[in-house]
């Protein structure tokens, strides 16, 4: 499970990492400076925008989806994205 975290989110109940997830803390990511919320939104939508810009799907030679194993993305780890 992955978690994209923004710790200064205006929705306070979403400011902590999901327990047991591989967390990307994108609070201080450089891209945040360029993010402009759409009308009626706030920085609460920033993690979804970041995910949309960085999502990729890996497939095998037969086109079947590949998922990372727990060894590749250990649980309960937080990575801070600069």
C-alpha atoms as a PDB file:
ATOM      1  CA  UNK A   1       0.000   0.000   0.000  1.00  0.00           C
ATOM      2  CA  UNK A   2       1.279   3.476  -0.867  1.00  0.00           C
ATOM      3  CA  UNK A   3       0.436   6.759   0.835  1.00  0.00           C
ATOM      4  CA  UNK A   4       1.059  10.224  -0.645  1.00  0.00           C
ATOM      5  CA  UNK A   5       1.218  12.574   2.322  1.00  0.00           C
ATOM      6  CA  UNK A   6       0.965  16.346   2.640  1.00  0.00           C
ATOM      7  CA  UNK A   7       1.501  17.171   6.329  1.00  0.00           C
ATOM      8  CA  UNK A   8       0.305  20.785   6.079  1.00  0.00           C
ATOM      9  CA  UNK A   9      -2.984  19.790   4.484  1.00  0.00           C
ATOM     10  CA  UNK A  10      -5.960  21.994   5.473  1.00  0.00           C
ATOM     11  CA  UNK A  11      -7.869  18.803   6.378  1.00  0.00           C
ATOM     12  CA  UNK A  12      -6.160  17.933   9.698  1.00  0.00           C
ATOM     13  CA  UNK A  13      -7.217  14.279   9.806  1.00  0.00           C
ATOM     14  CA  UNK A  14      -5.081  13.552   6.712  1.00  0.00           C
ATOM     15  CA  UNK A  15      -1.783  14.954   8.024  1.00  0.00           C
ATOM     16  CA  UNK A  16      -0.295  11.670   9.264  1.00  0.00           C
ATOM     17  CA  UNK A  17       1.070   8.642   7.426  1.00  0.00           C
ATOM     18  CA  UNK A  18      -1.181   5.625   6.996  1.00  0.00           C
ATOM     19  CA  UNK A  19       0.043   2.925   9.377  1.00  0.00           C
ATOM     20  CA  UNK A  20       1.917   0.162   7.585  1.00  0.00           C
ATOM     21  CA  UNK A  21       2.046   1.990   4.241  1.00  0.00           C
ATOM     22  CA  UNK A  22       5.053   2.922   2.131  1.00  0.00           C
ATOM     23  CA  UNK A  23       4.637   6.696   2.478  1.00  0.00           C
ATOM     24  CA  UNK A  24       5.840   9.419   0.141  1.00  0.00           C
ATOM     25  CA  UNK A  25       5.896  12.671   2.131  1.00  0.00           C
ATOM     26  CA  UNK A  26       5.432  15.254  -0.631  1.00  0.00           C
ATOM     27  CA  UNK A  27       4.849  18.204   1.707  1.00  0.00           C
ATOM     28  CA  UNK A  28       8.107  19.918   0.658  1.00  0.00           C
ATOM     29  CA  UNK A  29       8.289  18.674  -2.941  1.00  0.00           C
ATOM     30  CA  UNK A  30       9.494  21.378  -5.337  1.00  0.00           C
ATOM     31  CA  UNK A  31       6.482  20.742  -7.591  1.00  0.00           C
ATOM     32  CA  UNK A  32       4.145  21.972  -4.873  1.00  0.00           C
ATOM     33  CA  UNK A  33       5.277  25.525  -5.613  1.00  0.00           C
ATOM     34  CA  UNK A  34       3.736  25.171  -9.090  1.00  0.00           C
ATOM     35  CA  UNK A  35       0.477  23.580  -7.939  1.00  0.00           C
ATOM     36  CA  UNK A  36      -2.621  25.736  -8.358  1.00  0.00           C
ATOM     37  CA  UNK A  37      -5.823  24.278  -6.912  1.00  0.00           C
ATOM     38  CA  UNK A  38      -8.861  24.434  -9.187  1.00  0.00           C
ATOM     39  CA  UNK A  39     -11.721  26.713  -8.179  1.00  0.00           C
ATOM     40  CA  UNK A  40     -13.341  25.524  -4.955  1.00  0.00           C
ATOM     41  CA  UNK A  41     -10.447  23.213  -4.063  1.00  0.00           C
ATOM     42  CA  UNK A  42      -7.523  23.561  -1.663  1.00  0.00           C
ATOM     43  CA  UNK A  43      -4.103  22.018  -1.145  1.00  0.00           C
ATOM     44  CA  UNK A  44      -5.986  18.932   0.042  1.00  0.00           C
ATOM     45  CA  UNK A  45      -5.955  17.877  -3.633  1.00  0.00           C
ATOM     46  CA  UNK A  46      -2.164  18.325  -3.973  1.00  0.00           C
ATOM     47  CA  UNK A  47      -1.282  14.647  -3.249  1.00  0.00           C
ATOM     48  CA  UNK A  48      -3.709  13.442  -5.933  1.00  0.00           C
ATOM     49  CA  UNK A  49      -2.204  15.868  -8.468  1.00  0.00           C
ATOM     50  CA  UNK A  50       1.297  14.653  -7.570  1.00  0.00           C
ATOM     51  CA  UNK A  51       0.233  11.025  -7.960  1.00  0.00           C
ATOM     52  CA  UNK A  52      -1.421  11.749 -11.318  1.00  0.00           C
ATOM     53  CA  UNK A  53       1.817  13.319 -12.605  1.00  0.00           C
ATOM     54  CA  UNK A  54       4.042  10.475 -11.394  1.00  0.00           C
ATOM     55  CA  UNK A  55       1.931   7.345 -11.774  1.00  0.00           C
ATOM     56  CA  UNK A  56       3.259   4.654 -14.056  1.00  0.00           C
ATOM     57  CA  UNK A  57       2.096   1.139 -14.730  1.00  0.00           C
ATOM     58  CA  UNK A  58       4.573  -1.683 -15.116  1.00  0.00           C
ATOM     59  CA  UNK A  59       3.658  -4.717 -17.188  1.00  0.00           C
ATOM     60  CA  UNK A  60       5.425  -7.938 -18.092  1.00  0.00           C
ATOM     61  CA  UNK A  61       6.140  -8.998 -21.689  1.00  0.00           C
ATOM     62  CA  UNK A  62       2.588 -10.375 -21.951  1.00  0.00           C
ATOM     63  CA  UNK A  63       1.024  -7.087 -20.817  1.00  0.00           C
ATOM     64  CA  UNK A  64       0.067  -8.358 -17.366  1.00  0.00           C
ATOM     65  CA  UNK A  65       0.277  -5.841 -14.537  1.00  0.00           C
ATOM     66  CA  UNK A  66       3.292  -6.099 -12.230  1.00  0.00           C
ATOM     67  CA  UNK A  67       2.940  -5.040  -8.615  1.00  0.00           C
ATOM     68  CA  UNK A  68       5.833  -4.216  -6.277  1.00  0.00           C
ATOM     69  CA  UNK A  69       6.554  -6.790  -3.629  1.00  0.00           C
ATOM     70  CA  UNK A  70       6.858  -5.965   0.059  1.00  0.00           C
ATOM     71  CA  UNK A  71      10.634  -6.350  -0.354  1.00  0.00           C
ATOM     72  CA  UNK A  72      10.654  -3.619  -3.013  1.00  0.00           C
ATOM     73  CA  UNK A  73       8.442  -1.275  -1.010  1.00  0.00           C
ATOM     74  CA  UNK A  74       8.668  -2.223   2.662  1.00  0.00           C
ATOM     75  CA  UNK A  75       5.737  -1.293   4.854  1.00  0.00           C
ATOM     76  CA  UNK A  76       5.938   1.412   7.486  1.00  0.00           C
ATOM     77  CA  UNK A  77       8.617   3.415   5.647  1.00  0.00           C
ATOM     78  CA  UNK A  78       8.400   7.127   4.875  1.00  0.00           C
ATOM     79  CA  UNK A  79      10.341   8.725   2.030  1.00  0.00           C
ATOM     80  CA  UNK A  80      10.538  12.524   1.974  1.00  0.00           C
ATOM     81  CA  UNK A  81      10.336  13.868  -1.575  1.00  0.00           C
ATOM     82  CA  UNK A  82      12.435  17.016  -2.035  1.00  0.00           C
END
